[in-house]
C-alpha atoms as a PDB file:
ATOM      1  CA  UNK A   1      18.613 -45.694 105.402  1.00  0.00           C
ATOM      2  CA  UNK A   2      14.968 -44.629 104.851  1.00  0.00           C
ATOM      3  CA  UNK A   3      13.564 -42.790 101.851  1.00  0.00           C
ATOM      4  CA  UNK A   4      13.810 -39.318 103.286  1.00  0.00           C
ATOM      5  CA  UNK A   5      17.333 -39.875 104.470  1.00  0.00           C
ATOM      6  CA  UNK A   6      18.251 -41.001 100.953  1.00  0.00           C
ATOM      7  CA  UNK A   7      16.630 -37.857  99.508  1.00  0.00           C
ATOM      8  CA  UNK A   8      18.597 -35.707 101.927  1.00  0.00           C
ATOM      9  CA  UNK A   9      21.810 -37.360 100.788  1.00  0.00           C
ATOM     10  CA  UNK A  10      20.823 -36.887  97.072  1.00  0.00           C
ATOM     11  CA  UNK A  11      20.199 -33.148  97.597  1.00  0.00           C
ATOM     12  CA  UNK A  12      23.477 -32.652  99.444  1.00  0.00           C
ATOM     13  CA  UNK A  13      25.479 -34.480  96.795  1.00  0.00           C
ATOM     14  CA  UNK A  14      23.849 -32.347  94.067  1.00  0.00           C
ATOM     15  CA  UNK A  15      24.630 -29.138  96.044  1.00  0.00           C
ATOM     16  CA  UNK A  16      28.160 -30.177  97.007  1.00  0.00           C
ATOM     17  CA  UNK A  17      29.226 -31.580  93.667  1.00  0.00           C
ATOM     18  CA  UNK A  18      30.846 -34.744  95.011  1.00  0.00           C
ATOM     19  CA  UNK A  19      30.311 -37.641  97.337  1.00  0.00           C
ATOM     20  CA  UNK A  20      33.305 -36.582  99.478  1.00  0.00           C
ATOM     21  CA  UNK A  21      32.074 -33.024  99.992  1.00  0.00           C
ATOM     22  CA  UNK A  22      28.532 -34.210 100.789  1.00  0.00           C
ATOM     23  CA  UNK A  23      29.951 -36.800 103.245  1.00  0.00           C
ATOM     24  CA  UNK A  24      31.790 -34.077 105.154  1.00  0.00           C
ATOM     25  CA  UNK A  25      28.626 -31.944 105.495  1.00  0.00           C
ATOM     26  CA  UNK A  26      26.448 -34.932 106.511  1.00  0.00           C
ATOM     27  CA  UNK A  27      28.972 -36.571 108.794  1.00  0.00           C
ATOM     28  CA  UNK A  28      28.996 -39.829 106.761  1.00  0.00           C
ATOM     29  CA  UNK A  29      31.659 -41.727 104.876  1.00  0.00           C
ATOM     30  CA  UNK A  30      31.850 -41.295 101.102  1.00  0.00           C
ATOM     31  CA  UNK A  31      31.003 -44.974 100.647  1.00  0.00           C
ATOM     32  CA  UNK A  32      27.843 -44.586 102.797  1.00  0.00           C
ATOM     33  CA  UNK A  33      26.838 -41.575 100.619  1.00  0.00           C
ATOM     34  CA  UNK A  34      27.412 -43.572  97.410  1.00  0.00           C
ATOM     35  CA  UNK A  35      25.345 -46.519  98.681  1.00  0.00           C
ATOM     36  CA  UNK A  36      22.488 -44.205  99.715  1.00  0.00           C
ATOM     37  CA  UNK A  37      22.387 -42.660  96.208  1.00  0.00           C
ATOM     38  CA  UNK A  38      22.455 -46.111  94.606  1.00  0.00           C
ATOM     39  CA  UNK A  39      19.584 -47.398  96.734  1.00  0.00           C
ATOM     40  CA  UNK A  40      17.556 -44.309  95.899  1.00  0.00           C
ATOM     41  CA  UNK A  41      18.208 -44.804  92.175  1.00  0.00           C
ATOM     42  CA  UNK A  42      17.180 -48.435  92.416  1.00  0.00           C
ATOM     43  CA  UNK A  43      13.957 -47.475  94.194  1.00  0.00           C
ATOM     44  CA  UNK A  44      13.117 -44.822  91.555  1.00  0.00           C
ATOM     45  CA  UNK A  45      14.291 -46.833  88.578  1.00  0.00           C
ATOM     46  CA  UNK A  46      16.303 -43.937  87.107  1.00  0.00           C
ATOM     47  CA  UNK A  47      19.853 -42.667  87.191  1.00  0.00           C
ATOM     48  CA  UNK A  48      20.156 -39.477  89.217  1.00  0.00           C
ATOM     49  CA  UNK A  49      23.831 -38.787  88.457  1.00  0.00           C
ATOM     50  CA  UNK A  50      26.265 -39.143  85.568  1.00  0.00           C
ATOM     51  CA  UNK A  51      29.513 -40.482  87.042  1.00  0.00           C
ATOM     52  CA  UNK A  52      33.110 -40.773  85.824  1.00  0.00           C
ATOM     53  CA  UNK A  53      36.409 -41.180  87.648  1.00  0.00           C
ATOM     54  CA  UNK A  54      36.629 -37.521  88.608  1.00  0.00           C
ATOM     55  CA  UNK A  55      33.274 -35.839  88.386  1.00  0.00           C
ATOM     56  CA  UNK A  56      29.581 -36.341  88.833  1.00  0.00           C
ATOM     57  CA  UNK A  57      26.683 -34.334  87.399  1.00  0.00           C
ATOM     58  CA  UNK A  58      22.938 -34.506  87.828  1.00  0.00           C
ATOM     59  CA  UNK A  59      20.977 -36.220  85.024  1.00  0.00           C
ATOM     60  CA  UNK A  60      17.949 -34.627  83.387  1.00  0.00           C
ATOM     61  CA  UNK A  61      15.693 -36.905  85.450  1.00  0.00           C
ATOM     62  CA  UNK A  62      17.698 -36.045  88.517  1.00  0.00           C
ATOM     63  CA  UNK A  63      17.234 -32.316  87.959  1.00  0.00           C
ATOM     64  CA  UNK A  64      13.440 -32.683  87.823  1.00  0.00           C
ATOM     65  CA  UNK A  65      13.508 -34.734  90.981  1.00  0.00           C
ATOM     66  CA  UNK A  66      15.988 -32.356  92.698  1.00  0.00           C
ATOM     67  CA  UNK A  67      13.756 -29.321  92.593  1.00  0.00           C
ATOM     68  CA  UNK A  68      10.978 -30.926  94.646  1.00  0.00           C
ATOM     69  CA  UNK A  69      13.390 -32.775  96.902  1.00  0.00           C
ATOM     70  CA  UNK A  70      15.250 -29.601  97.801  1.00  0.00           C
ATOM     71  CA  UNK A  71      11.971 -27.962  98.798  1.00  0.00           C
ATOM     72  CA  UNK A  72      10.931 -30.954 100.866  1.00  0.00           C
ATOM     73  CA  UNK A  73      14.253 -31.217 102.679  1.00  0.00           C
ATOM     74  CA  UNK A  74      14.274 -27.498 103.427  1.00  0.00           C
ATOM     75  CA  UNK A  75      10.738 -27.487 104.773  1.00  0.00           C
ATOM     76  CA  UNK A  76      11.348 -30.523 107.018  1.00  0.00           C
ATOM     77  CA  UNK A  77      14.595 -29.025 108.301  1.00  0.00           C
ATOM     78  CA  UNK A  78      12.893 -25.733 109.077  1.00  0.00           C
ATOM     79  CA  UNK A  79      10.056 -27.484 110.842  1.00  0.00           C
ATOM     80  CA  UNK A  80      12.573 -29.443 112.913  1.00  0.00           C
ATOM     81  CA  UNK A  81      14.514 -26.270 113.705  1.00  0.00           C
ATOM     82  CA  UNK A  82      11.312 -24.468 114.817  1.00  0.00           C
ATOM     83  CA  UNK A  83      10.462 -27.291 117.139  1.00  0.00           C
ATOM     84  CA  UNK A  84      13.943 -27.387 118.531  1.00  0.00           C
ATOM     85  CA  UNK A  85      13.965 -23.633 119.150  1.00  0.00           C
ATOM     86  CA  UNK A  86      10.854 -23.940 121.258  1.00  0.00           C
ATOM     87  CA  UNK A  87      12.219 -26.635 123.568  1.00  0.00           C
ATOM     88  CA  UNK A  88      15.858 -25.739 124.380  1.00  0.00           C
ATOM     89  CA  UNK A  89      18.487 -23.015 124.405  1.00  0.00           C
ATOM     90  CA  UNK A  90      20.844 -22.750 121.418  1.00  0.00           C
ATOM     91  CA  UNK A  91      24.071 -24.646 122.051  1.00  0.00           C
ATOM     92  CA  UNK A  92      27.049 -26.225 120.299  1.00  0.00           C
ATOM     93  CA  UNK A  93      29.888 -25.019 117.993  1.00  0.00           C
ATOM     94  CA  UNK A  94      29.073 -22.617 115.187  1.00  0.00           C
ATOM     95  CA  UNK A  95      31.772 -22.153 112.508  1.00  0.00           C
ATOM     96  CA  UNK A  96      31.607 -18.707 110.946  1.00  0.00           C
ATOM     97  CA  UNK A  97      33.680 -17.209 108.128  1.00  0.00           C
ATOM     98  CA  UNK A  98      33.625 -13.439 107.823  1.00  0.00           C
ATOM     99  CA  UNK A  99      35.690 -10.646 106.242  1.00  0.00           C
ATOM    100  CA  UNK A 100      38.362  -8.757 108.037  1.00  0.00           C
ATOM    101  CA  UNK A 101      36.133  -6.318 109.874  1.00  0.00           C
ATOM    102  CA  UNK A 102      36.282  -3.321 112.164  1.00  0.00           C
ATOM    103  CA  UNK A 103      35.883  -3.088 115.939  1.00  0.00           C
ATOM    104  CA  UNK A 104      32.119  -2.342 115.561  1.00  0.00           C
ATOM    105  CA  UNK A 105      31.448  -5.770 114.047  1.00  0.00           C
ATOM    106  CA  UNK A 106      33.569  -7.541 116.652  1.00  0.00           C
ATOM    107  CA  UNK A 107      31.631  -5.848 119.437  1.00  0.00           C
ATOM    108  CA  UNK A 108      28.393  -7.299 118.007  1.00  0.00           C
ATOM    109  CA  UNK A 109      29.998 -10.797 117.959  1.00  0.00           C
ATOM    110  CA  UNK A 110      31.115 -10.425 121.551  1.00  0.00           C
ATOM    111  CA  UNK A 111      27.594  -9.390 122.486  1.00  0.00           C
ATOM    112  CA  UNK A 112      26.345 -12.560 120.898  1.00  0.00           C
ATOM    113  CA  UNK A 113      28.760 -14.680 122.939  1.00  0.00           C
ATOM    114  CA  UNK A 114      27.450 -13.019 126.084  1.00  0.00           C
ATOM    115  CA  UNK A 115      23.783 -13.478 125.086  1.00  0.00           C
ATOM    116  CA  UNK A 116      24.237 -17.193 124.103  1.00  0.00           C
ATOM    117  CA  UNK A 117      26.891 -18.672 126.403  1.00  0.00           C
ATOM    118  CA  UNK A 118      26.152 -22.271 125.323  1.00  0.00           C
ATOM    119  CA  UNK A 119      27.078 -21.498 121.711  1.00  0.00           C
ATOM    120  CA  UNK A 120      30.802 -21.786 120.953  1.00  0.00           C
ATOM    121  CA  UNK A 121      31.796 -19.448 118.097  1.00  0.00           C
ATOM    122  CA  UNK A 122      34.699 -20.461 115.849  1.00  0.00           C
ATOM    123  CA  UNK A 123      35.458 -17.384 113.770  1.00  0.00           C
ATOM    124  CA  UNK A 124      37.650 -17.401 110.652  1.00  0.00           C
ATOM    125  CA  UNK A 125      38.586 -13.920 109.279  1.00  0.00           C
ATOM    126  CA  UNK A 126      39.432 -13.734 105.602  1.00  0.00           C
ATOM    127  CA  UNK A 127      38.708 -11.466 102.622  1.00  0.00           C
ATOM    128  CA  UNK A 128      38.814 -14.316 100.130  1.00  0.00           C
ATOM    129  CA  UNK A 129      35.615 -16.009  98.956  1.00  0.00           C
ATOM    130  CA  UNK A 130      35.448 -19.305 100.850  1.00  0.00           C
ATOM    131  CA  UNK A 131      33.561 -22.431  99.782  1.00  0.00           C
ATOM    132  CA  UNK A 132      31.518 -22.977 102.910  1.00  0.00           C
ATOM    133  CA  UNK A 133      30.455 -26.507 101.904  1.00  0.00           C
ATOM    134  CA  UNK A 134      34.003 -27.708 101.128  1.00  0.00           C
ATOM    135  CA  UNK A 135      35.557 -25.922 104.088  1.00  0.00           C
ATOM    136  CA  UNK A 136      32.872 -26.951 106.623  1.00  0.00           C
ATOM    137  CA  UNK A 137      31.472 -23.568 107.690  1.00  0.00           C
ATOM    138  CA  UNK A 138      27.968 -23.318 109.124  1.00  0.00           C
ATOM    139  CA  UNK A 139      27.573 -19.774 107.870  1.00  0.00           C
ATOM    140  CA  UNK A 140      29.498 -17.116 105.974  1.00  0.00           C
ATOM    141  CA  UNK A 141      29.076 -13.359 106.202  1.00  0.00           C
ATOM    142  CA  UNK A 142      29.632 -11.772 102.785  1.00  0.00           C
ATOM    143  CA  UNK A 143      29.715  -8.312 101.330  1.00  0.00           C
ATOM    144  CA  UNK A 144      28.256  -7.619  97.927  1.00  0.00           C
ATOM    145  CA  UNK A 145      26.118  -9.526  95.472  1.00  0.00           C
ATOM    146  CA  UNK A 146      25.619 -13.305  95.925  1.00  0.00           C
ATOM    147  CA  UNK A 147      26.120 -15.636  92.916  1.00  0.00           C
ATOM    148  CA  UNK A 148      26.044 -19.206  94.251  1.00  0.00           C
ATOM    149  CA  UNK A 149      22.628 -20.806  93.808  1.00  0.00           C
ATOM    150  CA  UNK A 150      23.604 -23.611  96.238  1.00  0.00           C
ATOM    151  CA  UNK A 151      23.337 -21.142  99.103  1.00  0.00           C
ATOM    152  CA  UNK A 152      20.500 -19.591 101.092  1.00  0.00           C
ATOM    153  CA  UNK A 153      20.896 -15.999 102.127  1.00  0.00           C
ATOM    154  CA  UNK A 154      19.604 -13.442 104.563  1.00  0.00           C
ATOM    155  CA  UNK A 155      20.393  -9.734 104.289  1.00  0.00           C
ATOM    156  CA  UNK A 156      21.798  -8.409 107.527  1.00  0.00           C
ATOM    157  CA  UNK A 157      22.251  -4.702 106.627  1.00  0.00           C
ATOM    158  CA  UNK A 158      23.907  -2.145 104.367  1.00  0.00           C
ATOM    159  CA  UNK A 159      26.769   0.336 104.643  1.00  0.00           C
ATOM    160  CA  UNK A 160      28.288   3.179 102.680  1.00  0.00           C
ATOM    161  CA  UNK A 161      31.755   3.757 101.301  1.00  0.00           C
ATOM    162  CA  UNK A 162      33.492   6.988 102.157  1.00  0.00           C
ATOM    163  CA  UNK A 163      36.537   8.887 100.866  1.00  0.00           C
ATOM    164  CA  UNK A 164      38.755   9.961 103.782  1.00  0.00           C
ATOM    165  CA  UNK A 165      42.168  11.533 104.307  1.00  0.00           C
ATOM    166  CA  UNK A 166      44.099  13.081 107.213  1.00  0.00           C
ATOM    167  CA  UNK A 167      43.910  16.854 107.826  1.00  0.00           C
ATOM    168  CA  UNK A 168      47.732  16.971 107.332  1.00  0.00           C
ATOM    169  CA  UNK A 169      47.493  15.382 103.873  1.00  0.00           C
ATOM    170  CA  UNK A 170      44.661  17.711 102.800  1.00  0.00           C
ATOM    171  CA  UNK A 171      46.675  20.753 104.068  1.00  0.00           C
ATOM    172  CA  UNK A 172      49.710  19.742 102.000  1.00  0.00           C
ATOM    173  CA  UNK A 173      47.822  18.715  98.840  1.00  0.00           C
ATOM    174  CA  UNK A 174      44.626  20.767  99.057  1.00  0.00           C
ATOM    175  CA  UNK A 175      41.174  19.264  99.489  1.00  0.00           C
ATOM    176  CA  UNK A 176      39.705  17.989  96.219  1.00  0.00           C
ATOM    177  CA  UNK A 177      36.363  19.584  95.502  1.00  0.00           C
ATOM    178  CA  UNK A 178      35.484  17.679  92.312  1.00  0.00           C
ATOM    179  CA  UNK A 179      35.802  14.131  91.112  1.00  0.00           C
ATOM    180  CA  UNK A 180      38.290  15.197  88.433  1.00  0.00           C
ATOM    181  CA  UNK A 181      40.535  16.658  91.118  1.00  0.00           C
ATOM    182  CA  UNK A 182      41.138  13.160  92.509  1.00  0.00           C
ATOM    183  CA  UNK A 183      43.354  12.423  89.513  1.00  0.00           C
ATOM    184  CA  UNK A 184      46.164  14.532  90.935  1.00  0.00           C
ATOM    185  CA  UNK A 185      46.017  12.947  94.385  1.00  0.00           C
ATOM    186  CA  UNK A 186      47.608   9.910  95.967  1.00  0.00           C
ATOM    187  CA  UNK A 187      44.976   7.187  96.121  1.00  0.00           C
ATOM    188  CA  UNK A 188      45.053   4.298  98.557  1.00  0.00           C
ATOM    189  CA  UNK A 189      43.373   1.337  96.856  1.00  0.00           C
ATOM    190  CA  UNK A 190      42.067  -2.058  97.918  1.00  0.00           C
ATOM    191  CA  UNK A 191      41.888  -5.274  95.951  1.00  0.00           C
ATOM    192  CA  UNK A 192      39.977  -8.534  96.025  1.00  0.00           C
ATOM    193  CA  UNK A 193      41.928 -11.113  98.051  1.00  0.00           C
ATOM    194  CA  UNK A 194      40.701 -14.005  95.846  1.00  0.00           C
ATOM    195  CA  UNK A 195      41.127 -12.483  92.347  1.00  0.00           C
ATOM    196  CA  UNK A 196      43.653  -9.673  93.107  1.00  0.00           C
ATOM    197  CA  UNK A 197      41.400  -7.337  91.050  1.00  0.00           C
ATOM    198  CA  UNK A 198      41.347  -3.729  92.226  1.00  0.00           C
ATOM    199  CA  UNK A 199      38.097  -2.509  93.606  1.00  0.00           C
ATOM    200  CA  UNK A 200      36.668   0.410  91.751  1.00  0.00           C
ATOM    201  CA  UNK A 201      35.701   3.599  93.505  1.00  0.00           C
ATOM    202  CA  UNK A 202      31.974   4.109  92.917  1.00  0.00           C
ATOM    203  CA  UNK A 203      31.800   7.852  92.501  1.00  0.00           C
ATOM    204  CA  UNK A 204      29.271  10.396  91.397  1.00  0.00           C
ATOM    205  CA  UNK A 205      25.493  10.489  91.850  1.00  0.00           C
ATOM    206  CA  UNK A 206      25.097   7.360  89.767  1.00  0.00           C
ATOM    207  CA  UNK A 207      27.873   5.541  91.730  1.00  0.00           C
ATOM    208  CA  UNK A 208      29.674   4.894  88.434  1.00  0.00           C
ATOM    209  CA  UNK A 209      32.975   3.058  88.628  1.00  0.00           C
ATOM    210  CA  UNK A 210      35.524   5.767  87.867  1.00  0.00           C
ATOM    211  CA  UNK A 211      38.892   4.377  88.775  1.00  0.00           C
ATOM    212  CA  UNK A 212      40.788   4.233  85.495  1.00  0.00           C
ATOM    213  CA  UNK A 213      42.674   7.517  85.992  1.00  0.00           C
ATOM    214  CA  UNK A 214      43.378   7.253  89.708  1.00  0.00           C
ATOM    215  CA  UNK A 215      46.990   7.171  90.874  1.00  0.00           C
ATOM    216  CA  UNK A 216      47.580   4.039  92.893  1.00  0.00           C
ATOM    217  CA  UNK A 217      50.039   5.015  95.651  1.00  0.00           C
ATOM    218  CA  UNK A 218      49.249   1.887  97.724  1.00  0.00           C
ATOM    219  CA  UNK A 219      47.313  -1.290  96.996  1.00  0.00           C
ATOM    220  CA  UNK A 220      46.375  -3.674  99.857  1.00  0.00           C
ATOM    221  CA  UNK A 221      43.698  -6.277 100.650  1.00  0.00           C
ATOM    222  CA  UNK A 222      43.043  -5.167 104.267  1.00  0.00           C
ATOM    223  CA  UNK A 223      41.092  -2.014 105.222  1.00  0.00           C
ATOM    224  CA  UNK A 224      43.104  -1.647 108.437  1.00  0.00           C
ATOM    225  CA  UNK A 225      46.175  -0.813 106.346  1.00  0.00           C
ATOM    226  CA  UNK A 226      44.268   1.646 104.260  1.00  0.00           C
ATOM    227  CA  UNK A 227      43.141   3.435 107.437  1.00  0.00           C
ATOM    228  CA  UNK A 228      46.669   3.412 108.862  1.00  0.00           C
ATOM    229  CA  UNK A 229      48.087   4.815 105.585  1.00  0.00           C
ATOM    230  CA  UNK A 230      45.447   7.548 105.528  1.00  0.00           C
ATOM    231  CA  UNK A 231      46.050   8.441 109.180  1.00  0.00           C
ATOM    232  CA  UNK A 232      49.773   8.847 108.418  1.00  0.00           C
ATOM    233  CA  UNK A 233      49.058  11.238 105.561  1.00  0.00           C
ATOM    234  CA  UNK A 234      49.913   8.962 102.628  1.00  0.00           C
ATOM    235  CA  UNK A 235      46.803   9.734 100.588  1.00  0.00           C
ATOM    236  CA  UNK A 236      43.029   9.386 100.159  1.00  0.00           C
ATOM    237  CA  UNK A 237      41.391   6.059 101.000  1.00  0.00           C
ATOM    238  CA  UNK A 238      38.040   4.658  99.884  1.00  0.00           C
ATOM    239  CA  UNK A 239      36.819   2.519 102.759  1.00  0.00           C
ATOM    240  CA  UNK A 240      33.591   1.250 104.365  1.00  0.00           C
ATOM    241  CA  UNK A 241      32.165   3.907 106.623  1.00  0.00           C
ATOM    242  CA  UNK A 242      32.255   1.662 109.683  1.00  0.00           C
ATOM    243  CA  UNK A 243      36.055   1.395 109.304  1.00  0.00           C
ATOM    244  CA  UNK A 244      36.500   5.170 109.267  1.00  0.00           C
ATOM    245  CA  UNK A 245      33.707   6.209 111.644  1.00  0.00           C
ATOM    246  CA  UNK A 246      35.633   6.689 114.892  1.00  0.00           C
ATOM    247  CA  UNK A 247      38.446   8.521 113.131  1.00  0.00           C
ATOM    248  CA  UNK A 248      35.950  10.842 111.438  1.00  0.00           C
ATOM    249  CA  UNK A 249      34.348  11.558 114.823  1.00  0.00           C
ATOM    250  CA  UNK A 250      37.694  12.345 116.454  1.00  0.00           C
ATOM    251  CA  UNK A 251      38.887  14.446 113.515  1.00  0.00           C
ATOM    252  CA  UNK A 252      41.983  12.379 112.731  1.00  0.00           C
ATOM    253  CA  UNK A 253      40.398  11.721 109.313  1.00  0.00           C
ATOM    254  CA  UNK A 254      38.201  13.973 107.245  1.00  0.00           C
ATOM    255  CA  UNK A 255      35.560  12.831 104.782  1.00  0.00           C
ATOM    256  CA  UNK A 256      35.726  14.455 101.367  1.00  0.00           C
ATOM    257  CA  UNK A 257      33.359  14.582  98.436  1.00  0.00           C
ATOM    258  CA  UNK A 258      30.566  13.169 100.590  1.00  0.00           C
ATOM    259  CA  UNK A 259      27.867  14.139  98.091  1.00  0.00           C
ATOM    260  CA  UNK A 260      29.743  12.288  95.352  1.00  0.00           C
ATOM    261  CA  UNK A 261      29.951   8.988  97.238  1.00  0.00           C
ATOM    262  CA  UNK A 262      26.297   8.161  98.005  1.00  0.00           C
ATOM    263  CA  UNK A 263      26.314   4.394  97.531  1.00  0.00           C
ATOM    264  CA  UNK A 264      25.402   1.261  99.428  1.00  0.00           C
ATOM    265  CA  UNK A 265      26.893  -2.195  99.836  1.00  0.00           C
ATOM    266  CA  UNK A 266      24.979  -5.081 101.289  1.00  0.00           C
ATOM    267  CA  UNK A 267      26.072  -7.591 103.969  1.00  0.00           C
ATOM    268  CA  UNK A 268      24.445 -11.010 103.918  1.00  0.00           C
ATOM    269  CA  UNK A 269      24.696 -14.287 105.801  1.00  0.00           C
ATOM    270  CA  UNK A 270      24.759 -17.409 103.600  1.00  0.00           C
ATOM    271  CA  UNK A 271      24.464 -21.105 104.367  1.00  0.00           C
ATOM    272  CA  UNK A 272      23.878 -24.335 102.389  1.00  0.00           C
ATOM    273  CA  UNK A 273      20.509 -24.500 100.708  1.00  0.00           C
ATOM    274  CA  UNK A 274      19.966 -28.218 101.344  1.00  0.00           C
ATOM    275  CA  UNK A 275      19.002 -27.706 104.923  1.00  0.00           C
ATOM    276  CA  UNK A 276      17.147 -25.248 107.140  1.00  0.00           C
ATOM    277  CA  UNK A 277      19.069 -23.217 109.725  1.00  0.00           C
ATOM    278  CA  UNK A 278      19.814 -25.063 112.952  1.00  0.00           C
ATOM    279  CA  UNK A 279      18.702 -23.576 116.297  1.00  0.00           C
ATOM    280  CA  UNK A 280      22.115 -22.069 116.988  1.00  0.00           C
ATOM    281  CA  UNK A 281      22.354 -20.665 113.458  1.00  0.00           C
ATOM    282  CA  UNK A 282      18.887 -19.171 113.664  1.00  0.00           C
ATOM    283  CA  UNK A 283      19.859 -17.509 116.913  1.00  0.00           C
ATOM    284  CA  UNK A 284      22.987 -16.122 115.272  1.00  0.00           C
ATOM    285  CA  UNK A 285      21.103 -14.844 112.208  1.00  0.00           C
ATOM    286  CA  UNK A 286      18.411 -13.179 114.268  1.00  0.00           C
ATOM    287  CA  UNK A 287      20.941 -11.543 116.577  1.00  0.00           C
ATOM    288  CA  UNK A 288      23.106 -10.238 113.778  1.00  0.00           C
ATOM    289  CA  UNK A 289      20.091  -8.937 111.809  1.00  0.00           C
ATOM    290  CA  UNK A 290      19.009  -6.982 114.909  1.00  0.00           C
ATOM    291  CA  UNK A 291      22.404  -5.671 116.037  1.00  0.00           C
ATOM    292  CA  UNK A 292      24.642  -5.383 112.966  1.00  0.00           C
ATOM    293  CA  UNK A 293      22.768  -2.628 111.089  1.00  0.00           C
ATOM    294  CA  UNK A 294      23.607  -0.071 113.753  1.00  0.00           C
ATOM    295  CA  UNK A 295      27.334  -0.864 113.401  1.00  0.00           C
ATOM    296  CA  UNK A 296      27.096  -0.691 109.610  1.00  0.00           C
ATOM    297  CA  UNK A 297      25.351   2.629 109.688  1.00  0.00           C
ATOM    298  CA  UNK A 298      28.345   4.184 111.380  1.00  0.00           C
ATOM    299  CA  UNK A 299      29.518   5.960 108.227  1.00  0.00           C
ATOM    300  CA  UNK A 300      30.501   9.501 109.192  1.00  0.00           C
ATOM    301  CA  UNK A 301      30.273  12.264 111.678  1.00  0.00           C
ATOM    302  CA  UNK A 302      26.940  12.621 113.530  1.00  0.00           C
END
């Protein structure tokens, strides 16, 4: 294994946190990864990792080396991807993890399949936060702020949250005209699938999180159930606008307190930082960045 290959292995081990995880990403055996790291350490004359029976961590010398290596690996990978894009059509399997989304998102994905017939999409829908390195995904679509420094990210668009209820419910319970009035209403709440924490309702002109006094009639981790419950008159739901859009257009749901729910959430694509996007991934990112914003902007009646 040459020097650059050894550096690539080193960066991936540092990003993945173990030989086994790095081996899965690189398509090598854990022993081959360990030997590559050892040869690189022998060449440099320093230890790059602290090792014990269960864990590895980057040494101080390794951290200094890692910063420049990560840049070099990324630049070479991007140069290779640029060259590949110019010579052939995107092809191969692309594993994508994404949240449980509405029909508008799925239409964009179907359009991608039609535009790039040689790319085989493998889609995994879940609202939990996945470890894309450990679970072998090429890219993950995520909502909200990104925390993991091992990942590279590209913003694909933004959307708004809306409060919505059925006309029948609002006729029975009266339409709330202030934020305080929500306290006397049945509230349909969503929670984080990974942590089980309730999502706050960002209300008011400052989008403050004002959920402490809401009455939780229903708590779920899937927006489709919130929409179904709202349509059947069980209460008021706080959902992404693209989930409620078609029901707001048809009149089966009504948006309330629109001026009090001016807020935005971001949608980003993330992938491992140790490598540039492949040709098929670049095609996917460009396509989603072009098409997804229109679906995300569907947040209420025209």
